Amino acid sequence: MKIATTSKAVLIAGVAAVAAAALWWDRATAASLTANQVLARLPTGSSVHSLVRLDMDGRGPAETAVVARVPAYPGSRDIAYAAFVFRYDRWRRAFIQIYHSPTPGTVPFSADAARLLHGRDVAIISGLHDDGTRSYRLIGIAGRRAVVLRERRFAGTLAFAEPLLVEQRADGSSAIRWNGRTWLEESAPEAVAGMLPGVTWRYAVRNGEVVARADVQRLRPRQPLRILAVGGGATSVVVPDGRLDVVEAGFRQREPGTYRIRIVTGLTSLDQAYTLTVIVEP
């Protein structure tokens, strides 16, 4: 009886250990790449144009898509726009680069993402050509590799009705849906989420303290928020919530929730900094 009890205890302990190991293995990293961490992986003199965090493998948001300005060669003042995708490698327990390519078009748009692959995200890299047409590239993950799932050039804009991607054109809109193997074209829904107008939140620094009309800002998913200092005053630094995307117009979040942006002046620490609460509502 004692042997059977001991064996049962060992079995339970073994199952618990396996379960804990599985959770540890599958758990995404606690913090996604920040803009500064991305810059550390790029050539000297680079800068981040836009950055979006996404879930490309269905295990949580552990990937980062970036559009960056990169010097044409070391020390050059000429820059070229390039797109990158980094993913969290669970074998190495570190972020690795899985995609790098020049951005399409002459003028790049902000990196974007949408849940188009049965609950998984694709990275969207797009740009504007001199003739007014737009090119976009959809990037997904196959195994451990990044793959271009679709590349297209058209005259119009993109809108989202996940899991549909909508091409809005002057002569009519159409939508595409992933069926597991390829993209199927279908009629566009009547209501789609286009680009929402951005919101500007203004603040001033007086006598070393941040002054603003409100410390809460409400947004819709994908709606950009611009943080603008007015009236001079002491130098301040904007420290965004690590879960917010960085876009040309400021910051953005695709998921409803509560996020915080801190304004740090030279007279305060991060813990004592002014906090703007951003509520993203469905």
C-alpha atoms as a PDB file:
ATOM      1  CA  MET A   1       0.000   0.000   0.000  1.00  0.00           C
ATOM      2  CA  LYS A   2       2.836   2.406   0.875  1.00  0.00           C
ATOM      3  CA  ILE A   3       4.548   1.651  -2.451  1.00  0.00           C
ATOM      4  CA  ALA A   4       1.327   2.354  -4.362  1.00  0.00           C
ATOM      5  CA  THR A   5       0.806   5.633  -2.486  1.00  0.00           C
ATOM      6  CA  THR A   6       4.390   6.683  -3.152  1.00  0.00           C
ATOM      7  CA  SER A   7       4.057   5.839  -6.858  1.00  0.00           C
ATOM      8  CA  LYS A   8       0.857   7.854  -7.071  1.00  0.00           C
ATOM      9  CA  ALA A   9       2.525  10.858  -5.428  1.00  0.00           C
ATOM     10  CA  VAL A  10       5.453  10.613  -7.829  1.00  0.00           C
ATOM     11  CA  LEU A  11       3.044  10.402 -10.767  1.00  0.00           C
ATOM     12  CA  ILE A  12       1.115  13.484  -9.607  1.00  0.00           C
ATOM     13  CA  ALA A  13       4.353  15.392  -9.064  1.00  0.00           C
ATOM     14  CA  GLY A  14       5.537  14.381 -12.531  1.00  0.00           C
ATOM     15  CA  VAL A  15       2.314  15.514 -14.176  1.00  0.00           C
ATOM     16  CA  ALA A  16       2.498  18.825 -12.311  1.00  0.00           C
ATOM     17  CA  ALA A  17       6.094  19.322 -13.412  1.00  0.00           C
ATOM     18  CA  VAL A  18       5.212  18.600 -17.042  1.00  0.00           C
ATOM     19  CA  ALA A  19       2.264  21.014 -16.880  1.00  0.00           C
ATOM     20  CA  ALA A  20       4.436  23.732 -15.351  1.00  0.00           C
ATOM     21  CA  ALA A  21       7.096  23.178 -17.998  1.00  0.00           C
ATOM     22  CA  ALA A  22       4.476  23.400 -20.743  1.00  0.00           C
ATOM     23  CA  LEU A  23       3.171  26.682 -19.358  1.00  0.00           C
ATOM     24  CA  TRP A  24       6.703  28.067 -19.079  1.00  0.00           C
ATOM     25  CA  TRP A  25       7.448  26.968 -22.646  1.00  0.00           C
ATOM     26  CA  ASP A  26       4.300  28.347 -24.218  1.00  0.00           C
ATOM     27  CA  ARG A  27       4.161  31.595 -22.248  1.00  0.00           C
ATOM     28  CA  ALA A  28       5.002  34.682 -24.279  1.00  0.00           C
ATOM     29  CA  THR A  29       7.661  37.007 -23.006  1.00  0.00           C
ATOM     30  CA  ALA A  30       6.429  39.385 -20.331  1.00  0.00           C
ATOM     31  CA  ALA A  31       7.293  42.513 -22.326  1.00  0.00           C
ATOM     32  CA  SER A  32       7.346  43.050 -26.083  1.00  0.00           C
ATOM     33  CA  LEU A  33      10.156  44.867 -27.810  1.00  0.00           C
ATOM     34  CA  THR A  34      10.301  48.594 -27.161  1.00  0.00           C
ATOM     35  CA  ALA A  35      11.405  51.141 -29.740  1.00  0.00           C
ATOM     36  CA  ASN A  36      14.802  51.458 -28.017  1.00  0.00           C
ATOM     37  CA  GLN A  37      15.280  47.678 -28.056  1.00  0.00           C
ATOM     38  CA  VAL A  38      14.444  47.639 -31.755  1.00  0.00           C
ATOM     39  CA  LEU A  39      16.982  50.398 -32.441  1.00  0.00           C
ATOM     40  CA  ALA A  40      19.658  48.357 -30.671  1.00  0.00           C
ATOM     41  CA  ARG A  41      19.143  45.699 -33.373  1.00  0.00           C
ATOM     42  CA  LEU A  42      19.340  48.119 -36.315  1.00  0.00           C
ATOM     43  CA  PRO A  43      22.308  49.936 -37.910  1.00  0.00           C
ATOM     44  CA  THR A  44      23.644  53.007 -36.120  1.00  0.00           C
ATOM     45  CA  GLY A  45      21.736  56.128 -37.096  1.00  0.00           C
ATOM     46  CA  SER A  46      18.407  54.339 -37.605  1.00  0.00           C
ATOM     47  CA  SER A  47      15.123  55.635 -36.187  1.00  0.00           C
ATOM     48  CA  VAL A  48      11.727  54.057 -35.679  1.00  0.00           C
ATOM     49  CA  HIS A  49       8.977  55.326 -37.969  1.00  0.00           C
ATOM     50  CA  SER A  50       6.240  53.066 -36.550  1.00  0.00           C
ATOM     51  CA  LEU A  51       5.914  49.927 -34.440  1.00  0.00           C
ATOM     52  CA  VAL A  52       3.041  47.519 -33.873  1.00  0.00           C
ATOM     53  CA  ARG A  53       2.805  44.535 -31.520  1.00  0.00           C
ATOM     54  CA  LEU A  54       0.888  41.535 -32.777  1.00  0.00           C
ATOM     55  CA  ASP A  55       0.091  37.862 -32.277  1.00  0.00           C
ATOM     56  CA  MET A  56       1.177  35.969 -35.378  1.00  0.00           C
ATOM     57  CA  ASP A  57       1.309  32.426 -33.981  1.00  0.00           C
ATOM     58  CA  GLY A  58      -1.743  32.337 -31.715  1.00  0.00           C
ATOM     59  CA  ARG A  59       0.281  32.217 -28.482  1.00  0.00           C
ATOM     60  CA  GLY A  60      -0.091  35.815 -27.419  1.00  0.00           C
ATOM     61  CA  PRO A  61       1.362  39.112 -28.668  1.00  0.00           C
ATOM     62  CA  ALA A  62       5.049  38.207 -28.883  1.00  0.00           C
ATOM     63  CA  GLU A  63       5.830  39.592 -32.343  1.00  0.00           C
ATOM     64  CA  THR A  64       6.733  43.135 -33.375  1.00  0.00           C
ATOM     65  CA  ALA A  65       6.419  44.684 -36.842  1.00  0.00           C
ATOM     66  CA  VAL A  66       8.467  47.812 -37.474  1.00  0.00           C
ATOM     67  CA  VAL A  67       8.959  50.380 -40.202  1.00  0.00           C
ATOM     68  CA  ALA A  68      12.303  52.103 -39.684  1.00  0.00           C
ATOM     69  CA  ARG A  69      14.459  54.766 -41.294  1.00  0.00           C
ATOM     70  CA  VAL A  70      17.831  53.159 -41.981  1.00  0.00           C
ATOM     71  CA  PRO A  71      21.000  54.882 -43.320  1.00  0.00           C
ATOM     72  CA  ALA A  72      21.855  53.832 -46.868  1.00  0.00           C
ATOM     73  CA  TYR A  73      25.315  52.886 -45.577  1.00  0.00           C
ATOM     74  CA  PRO A  74      27.180  53.448 -42.275  1.00  0.00           C
ATOM     75  CA  GLY A  75      27.471  57.160 -41.581  1.00  0.00           C
ATOM     76  CA  SER A  76      25.288  58.171 -44.520  1.00  0.00           C
ATOM     77  CA  ARG A  77      22.753  60.980 -44.216  1.00  0.00           C
ATOM     78  CA  ASP A  78      20.635  59.359 -46.916  1.00  0.00           C
ATOM     79  CA  ILE A  79      17.992  57.084 -45.447  1.00  0.00           C
ATOM     80  CA  ALA A  80      15.871  54.279 -46.825  1.00  0.00           C
ATOM     81  CA  TYR A  81      12.681  52.958 -45.292  1.00  0.00           C
ATOM     82  CA  ALA A  82      12.674  49.277 -44.396  1.00  0.00           C
ATOM     83  CA  ALA A  83      10.239  46.879 -42.755  1.00  0.00           C
ATOM     84  CA  PHE A  84      11.196  44.349 -40.091  1.00  0.00           C
ATOM     85  CA  VAL A  85       9.393  41.649 -38.162  1.00  0.00           C
ATOM     86  CA  PHE A  86      10.796  40.277 -34.894  1.00  0.00           C
ATOM     87  CA  ARG A  87       9.401  37.240 -33.104  1.00  0.00           C
ATOM     88  CA  TYR A  88      10.049  35.670 -29.728  1.00  0.00           C
ATOM     89  CA  ASP A  89      11.994  32.429 -30.206  1.00  0.00           C
ATOM     90  CA  ARG A  90      10.948  30.059 -27.430  1.00  0.00           C
ATOM     91  CA  TRP A  91      13.998  27.845 -27.965  1.00  0.00           C
ATOM     92  CA  ARG A  92      16.478  30.692 -27.552  1.00  0.00           C
ATOM     93  CA  ARG A  93      14.276  32.645 -25.118  1.00  0.00           C
ATOM     94  CA  ALA A  94      15.067  35.778 -27.117  1.00  0.00           C
ATOM     95  CA  PHE A  95      13.724  37.960 -29.923  1.00  0.00           C
ATOM     96  CA  ILE A  96      15.030  37.231 -33.414  1.00  0.00           C
ATOM     97  CA  GLN A  97      14.548  39.000 -36.742  1.00  0.00           C
ATOM     98  CA  ILE A  98      12.503  36.927 -39.193  1.00  0.00           C
ATOM     99  CA  TYR A  99      11.719  39.491 -41.890  1.00  0.00           C
ATOM    100  CA  HIS A 100      13.500  42.437 -43.521  1.00  0.00           C
ATOM    101  CA  SER A 101      12.619  44.167 -46.769  1.00  0.00           C
ATOM    102  CA  PRO A 102      12.377  47.666 -48.257  1.00  0.00           C
ATOM    103  CA  THR A 103       8.916  49.156 -47.795  1.00  0.00           C
ATOM    104  CA  PRO A 104       6.679  49.303 -50.878  1.00  0.00           C
ATOM    105  CA  GLY A 105       5.946  52.645 -52.501  1.00  0.00           C
ATOM    106  CA  THR A 106       7.659  56.010 -52.165  1.00  0.00           C
ATOM    107  CA  VAL A 107       6.017  57.198 -48.954  1.00  0.00           C
ATOM    108  CA  PRO A 108       5.610  54.556 -46.214  1.00  0.00           C
ATOM    109  CA  PHE A 109       2.488  54.225 -44.095  1.00  0.00           C
ATOM    110  CA  SER A 110       2.689  53.151 -40.470  1.00  0.00           C
ATOM    111  CA  ALA A 111       3.176  49.455 -39.796  1.00  0.00           C
ATOM    112  CA  ASP A 112      -0.178  47.829 -39.070  1.00  0.00           C
ATOM    113  CA  ALA A 113      -1.740  44.494 -38.141  1.00  0.00           C
ATOM    114  CA  ALA A 114      -5.118  42.781 -38.381  1.00  0.00           C
ATOM    115  CA  ARG A 115      -6.546  39.481 -37.174  1.00  0.00           C
ATOM    116  CA  LEU A 116      -7.114  37.845 -40.544  1.00  0.00           C
ATOM    117  CA  LEU A 117      -5.847  34.263 -40.076  1.00  0.00           C
ATOM    118  CA  HIS A 118      -8.465  32.533 -37.912  1.00  0.00           C
ATOM    119  CA  GLY A 119      -7.619  34.490 -34.780  1.00  0.00           C
ATOM    120  CA  ARG A 120      -3.984  35.176 -35.669  1.00  0.00           C
ATOM    121  CA  ASP A 121      -2.556  38.494 -36.834  1.00  0.00           C
ATOM    122  CA  VAL A 122      -0.817  39.364 -40.052  1.00  0.00           C
ATOM    123  CA  ALA A 123       1.614  42.259 -40.290  1.00  0.00           C
ATOM    124  CA  ILE A 124       0.610  44.874 -42.868  1.00  0.00           C
ATOM    125  CA  ILE A 125       3.345  46.894 -44.562  1.00  0.00           C
ATOM    126  CA  SER A 126       2.145  49.494 -47.050  1.00  0.00           C
ATOM    127  CA  GLY A 127       3.141  52.642 -48.877  1.00  0.00           C
ATOM    128  CA  LEU A 128       2.018  55.283 -51.345  1.00  0.00           C
ATOM    129  CA  HIS A 129       3.380  55.547 -54.893  1.00  0.00           C
ATOM    130  CA  ASP A 130       3.960  58.783 -56.802  1.00  0.00           C
ATOM    131  CA  ASP A 131       0.911  58.106 -58.999  1.00  0.00           C
ATOM    132  CA  GLY A 132      -1.375  57.922 -55.957  1.00  0.00           C
ATOM    133  CA  THR A 133      -1.757  54.155 -55.909  1.00  0.00           C
ATOM    134  CA  ARG A 134      -1.127  52.136 -52.775  1.00  0.00           C
ATOM    135  CA  SER A 135       0.846  48.921 -52.317  1.00  0.00           C
ATOM    136  CA  TYR A 136       0.467  46.613 -49.358  1.00  0.00           C
ATOM    137  CA  ARG A 137       2.103  43.413 -48.199  1.00  0.00           C
ATOM    138  CA  LEU A 138       0.562  40.885 -45.789  1.00  0.00           C
ATOM    139  CA  ILE A 139       3.113  38.936 -43.750  1.00  0.00           C
ATOM    140  CA  GLY A 140       2.358  35.853 -41.685  1.00  0.00           C
ATOM    141  CA  ILE A 141       4.263  33.051 -39.994  1.00  0.00           C
ATOM    142  CA  ALA A 142       4.685  29.525 -41.338  1.00  0.00           C
ATOM    143  CA  GLY A 143       6.544  27.417 -38.790  1.00  0.00           C
ATOM    144  CA  ARG A 144       9.390  29.658 -37.689  1.00  0.00           C
ATOM    145  CA  ARG A 145       9.596  31.664 -40.900  1.00  0.00           C
ATOM    146  CA  ALA A 146       7.897  34.834 -42.048  1.00  0.00           C
ATOM    147  CA  VAL A 147       6.082  34.504 -45.379  1.00  0.00           C
ATOM    148  CA  VAL A 148       4.474  37.082 -47.655  1.00  0.00           C
ATOM    149  CA  LEU A 149       0.867  35.923 -47.979  1.00  0.00           C
ATOM    150  CA  ARG A 150      -0.298  38.631 -50.363  1.00  0.00           C
ATOM    151  CA  GLU A 151       1.165  41.606 -52.196  1.00  0.00           C
ATOM    152  CA  ARG A 152      -1.017  43.999 -54.139  1.00  0.00           C
ATOM    153  CA  ARG A 153      -1.103  47.482 -55.664  1.00  0.00           C
ATOM    154  CA  PHE A 154      -4.359  49.357 -56.171  1.00  0.00           C
ATOM    155  CA  ALA A 155      -5.902  52.829 -56.121  1.00  0.00           C
ATOM    156  CA  GLY A 156      -7.692  53.260 -52.812  1.00  0.00           C
ATOM    157  CA  THR A 157      -7.419  52.666 -49.073  1.00  0.00           C
ATOM    158  CA  LEU A 158      -7.540  49.717 -46.705  1.00  0.00           C
ATOM    159  CA  ALA A 159     -10.242  49.157 -44.084  1.00  0.00           C
ATOM    160  CA  PHE A 160     -10.842  46.378 -41.567  1.00  0.00           C
ATOM    161  CA  ALA A 161     -13.788  44.115 -40.788  1.00  0.00           C
ATOM    162  CA  GLU A 162     -11.833  41.257 -39.224  1.00  0.00           C
ATOM    163  CA  PRO A 163     -11.414  38.562 -40.448  1.00  0.00           C
ATOM    164  CA  LEU A 164     -11.966  40.493 -43.682  1.00  0.00           C
ATOM    165  CA  LEU A 165      -9.562  42.983 -45.222  1.00  0.00           C
ATOM    166  CA  VAL A 166     -11.400  45.530 -47.351  1.00  0.00           C
ATOM    167  CA  GLU A 167      -9.971  47.361 -50.361  1.00  0.00           C
ATOM    168  CA  GLN A 168     -11.899  50.605 -50.696  1.00  0.00           C
ATOM    169  CA  ARG A 169     -11.759  51.985 -54.246  1.00  0.00           C
ATOM    170  CA  ALA A 170     -13.536  54.802 -56.021  1.00  0.00           C
ATOM    171  CA  ASP A 171     -15.325  52.316 -58.281  1.00  0.00           C
ATOM    172  CA  GLY A 172     -16.447  50.091 -55.405  1.00  0.00           C
ATOM    173  CA  SER A 173     -15.042  48.059 -52.525  1.00  0.00           C
ATOM    174  CA  SER A 174     -14.201  44.393 -52.229  1.00  0.00           C
ATOM    175  CA  ALA A 175     -13.044  42.201 -49.364  1.00  0.00           C
ATOM    176  CA  ILE A 176     -10.693  39.246 -49.051  1.00  0.00           C
ATOM    177  CA  ARG A 177     -10.904  36.347 -46.602  1.00  0.00           C
ATOM    178  CA  TRP A 178      -8.275  33.677 -45.815  1.00  0.00           C
ATOM    179  CA  ASN A 179      -9.638  30.124 -46.163  1.00  0.00           C
ATOM    180  CA  GLY A 180      -6.565  28.390 -44.772  1.00  0.00           C
ATOM    181  CA  ARG A 181      -4.798  28.061 -48.121  1.00  0.00           C
ATOM    182  CA  THR A 182      -5.467  31.186 -50.155  1.00  0.00           C
ATOM    183  CA  TRP A 183      -7.367  34.489 -50.227  1.00  0.00           C
ATOM    184  CA  LEU A 184     -10.943  34.454 -51.470  1.00  0.00           C
ATOM    185  CA  GLU A 185     -12.587  37.631 -52.743  1.00  0.00           C
ATOM    186  CA  GLU A 186     -16.122  38.484 -51.638  1.00  0.00           C
ATOM    187  CA  SER A 187     -18.457  41.441 -51.326  1.00  0.00           C
ATOM    188  CA  ALA A 188     -17.442  44.073 -48.810  1.00  0.00           C
ATOM    189  CA  PRO A 189     -19.721  44.542 -45.779  1.00  0.00           C
ATOM    190  CA  GLU A 190     -21.680  47.779 -45.536  1.00  0.00           C
ATOM    191  CA  ALA A 191     -20.004  48.867 -42.296  1.00  0.00           C
ATOM    192  CA  VAL A 192     -16.214  48.684 -42.042  1.00  0.00           C
ATOM    193  CA  ALA A 193     -13.703  50.325 -39.728  1.00  0.00           C
ATOM    194  CA  GLY A 194     -11.724  52.880 -41.673  1.00  0.00           C
ATOM    195  CA  MET A 195      -9.095  55.223 -40.291  1.00  0.00           C
ATOM    196  CA  LEU A 196     -10.567  57.127 -37.371  1.00  0.00           C
ATOM    197  CA  PRO A 197      -9.608  60.794 -36.966  1.00  0.00           C
ATOM    198  CA  GLY A 198      -6.780  61.265 -34.508  1.00  0.00           C
ATOM    199  CA  VAL A 199      -7.122  62.973 -31.128  1.00  0.00           C
ATOM    200  CA  THR A 200      -4.608  65.476 -29.719  1.00  0.00           C
ATOM    201  CA  TRP A 201      -4.027  65.701 -25.967  1.00  0.00           C
ATOM    202  CA  ARG A 202      -2.200  68.866 -24.940  1.00  0.00           C
ATOM    203  CA  TYR A 203      -0.268  69.655 -21.799  1.00  0.00           C
ATOM    204  CA  ALA A 204       2.045  72.339 -20.449  1.00  0.00           C
ATOM    205  CA  VAL A 205       4.868  72.328 -17.902  1.00  0.00           C
ATOM    206  CA  ARG A 206       4.661  75.120 -15.328  1.00  0.00           C
ATOM    207  CA  ASN A 207       7.037  75.436 -12.399  1.00  0.00           C
ATOM    208  CA  GLY A 208       8.235  71.924 -13.123  1.00  0.00           C
ATOM    209  CA  GLU A 209       4.734  70.409 -12.972  1.00  0.00           C
ATOM    210  CA  VAL A 210       2.591  69.038 -15.788  1.00  0.00           C
ATOM    211  CA  VAL A 211      -0.708  70.857 -16.261  1.00  0.00           C
ATOM    212  CA  ALA A 212      -3.536  69.575 -18.482  1.00  0.00           C
ATOM    213  CA  ARG A 213      -7.283  70.013 -18.795  1.00  0.00           C
ATOM    214  CA  ALA A 214      -7.956  66.305 -18.229  1.00  0.00           C
ATOM    215  CA  ASP A 215      -5.967  63.290 -17.103  1.00  0.00           C
ATOM    216  CA  VAL A 216      -8.250  60.761 -18.853  1.00  0.00           C
ATOM    217  CA  GLN A 217      -8.587  60.339 -22.613  1.00  0.00           C
ATOM    218  CA  ARG A 218     -11.126  58.010 -24.241  1.00  0.00           C
ATOM    219  CA  LEU A 219     -10.453  56.466 -27.646  1.00  0.00           C
ATOM    220  CA  ARG A 220     -11.818  53.859 -30.017  1.00  0.00           C
ATOM    221  CA  PRO A 221      -9.730  50.893 -31.175  1.00  0.00           C
ATOM    222  CA  ARG A 222      -7.190  51.968 -33.824  1.00  0.00           C
ATOM    223  CA  GLN A 223      -7.766  55.665 -33.085  1.00  0.00           C
ATOM    224  CA  PRO A 224      -4.432  57.539 -32.912  1.00  0.00           C
ATOM    225  CA  LEU A 225      -3.548  59.746 -29.952  1.00  0.00           C
ATOM    226  CA  ARG A 226      -1.035  62.568 -30.333  1.00  0.00           C
ATOM    227  CA  ILE A 227       0.668  63.982 -27.233  1.00  0.00           C
ATOM    228  CA  LEU A 228       1.566  67.650 -27.672  1.00  0.00           C
ATOM    229  CA  ALA A 229       3.479  69.938 -25.294  1.00  0.00           C
ATOM    230  CA  VAL A 230       2.468  73.603 -25.538  1.00  0.00           C
ATOM    231  CA  GLY A 231       3.627  76.871 -24.011  1.00  0.00           C
ATOM    232  CA  GLY A 232       7.294  76.057 -23.547  1.00  0.00           C
ATOM    233  CA  GLY A 233       8.467  75.336 -20.015  1.00  0.00           C
ATOM    234  CA  ALA A 234      10.843  72.696 -18.721  1.00  0.00           C
ATOM    235  CA  THR A 235      11.823  69.780 -20.932  1.00  0.00           C
ATOM    236  CA  SER A 236       9.550  66.768 -20.599  1.00  0.00           C
ATOM    237  CA  VAL A 237       9.674  63.196 -21.817  1.00  0.00           C
ATOM    238  CA  VAL A 238       6.654  61.115 -22.881  1.00  0.00           C
ATOM    239  CA  VAL A 239       6.852  57.510 -21.649  1.00  0.00           C
ATOM    240  CA  PRO A 240       4.085  55.465 -23.304  1.00  0.00           C
ATOM    241  CA  ASP A 241       2.535  52.275 -22.030  1.00  0.00           C
ATOM    242  CA  GLY A 242       4.554  49.385 -23.484  1.00  0.00           C
ATOM    243  CA  ARG A 243       1.375  47.869 -24.921  1.00  0.00           C
ATOM    244  CA  LEU A 244       0.642  50.844 -27.168  1.00  0.00           C
ATOM    245  CA  ASP A 245       1.572  50.843 -30.840  1.00  0.00           C
ATOM    246  CA  VAL A 246       3.719  53.665 -32.179  1.00  0.00           C
ATOM    247  CA  VAL A 247       2.339  55.260 -35.343  1.00  0.00           C
ATOM    248  CA  GLU A 248       3.180  58.425 -37.265  1.00  0.00           C
ATOM    249  CA  ALA A 249       0.334  60.294 -35.587  1.00  0.00           C
ATOM    250  CA  GLY A 250       1.360  59.241 -32.062  1.00  0.00           C
ATOM    251  CA  PHE A 251       0.132  56.164 -30.191  1.00  0.00           C
ATOM    252  CA  ARG A 252      -2.644  53.659 -30.806  1.00  0.00           C
ATOM    253  CA  GLN A 253      -4.133  50.421 -29.503  1.00  0.00           C
ATOM    254  CA  ARG A 254      -6.283  47.912 -31.342  1.00  0.00           C
ATOM    255  CA  GLU A 255      -7.633  46.217 -28.212  1.00  0.00           C
ATOM    256  CA  PRO A 256     -10.063  47.750 -25.692  1.00  0.00           C
ATOM    257  CA  GLY A 257      -8.561  48.311 -22.261  1.00  0.00           C
ATOM    258  CA  THR A 258      -6.927  50.842 -19.960  1.00  0.00           C
ATOM    259  CA  TYR A 259      -3.461  52.138 -20.724  1.00  0.00           C
ATOM    260  CA  ARG A 260      -1.211  54.764 -19.146  1.00  0.00           C
ATOM    261  CA  ILE A 261       1.136  57.361 -20.572  1.00  0.00           C
ATOM    262  CA  ARG A 262       3.533  59.132 -18.212  1.00  0.00           C
ATOM    263  CA  ILE A 263       4.951  62.622 -18.647  1.00  0.00           C
ATOM    264  CA  VAL A 264       8.323  62.955 -16.933  1.00  0.00           C
ATOM    265  CA  THR A 265       9.986  66.297 -16.248  1.00  0.00           C
ATOM    266  CA  GLY A 266      13.501  66.926 -14.991  1.00  0.00           C
ATOM    267  CA  LEU A 267      12.190  67.447 -11.473  1.00  0.00           C
ATOM    268  CA  THR A 268      10.264  64.189 -11.104  1.00  0.00           C
ATOM    269  CA  SER A 269      11.005  60.475 -11.134  1.00  0.00           C
ATOM    270  CA  LEU A 270       9.062  57.975 -13.223  1.00  0.00           C
ATOM    271  CA  ASP A 271       7.070  56.890 -10.164  1.00  0.00           C
ATOM    272  CA  GLN A 272       6.044  60.479  -9.470  1.00  0.00           C
ATOM    273  CA  ALA A 273       5.388  61.438 -13.081  1.00  0.00           C
ATOM    274  CA  TYR A 274       2.097  62.834 -14.305  1.00  0.00           C
ATOM    275  CA  THR A 275      -0.083  60.002 -15.615  1.00  0.00           C
ATOM    276  CA  LEU A 276      -2.521  60.226 -18.494  1.00  0.00           C
ATOM    277  CA  THR A 277      -5.013  57.347 -18.404  1.00  0.00           C
ATOM    278  CA  VAL A 278      -6.096  56.194 -21.858  1.00  0.00           C
ATOM    279  CA  ILE A 279      -9.312  54.187 -22.026  1.00  0.00           C
ATOM    280  CA  VAL A 280      -9.876  52.373 -25.315  1.00  0.00           C
ATOM    281  CA  GLU A 281     -13.567  51.529 -25.574  1.00  0.00           C
ATOM    282  CA  PRO A 282     -15.164  48.893 -27.846  1.00  0.00           C
END
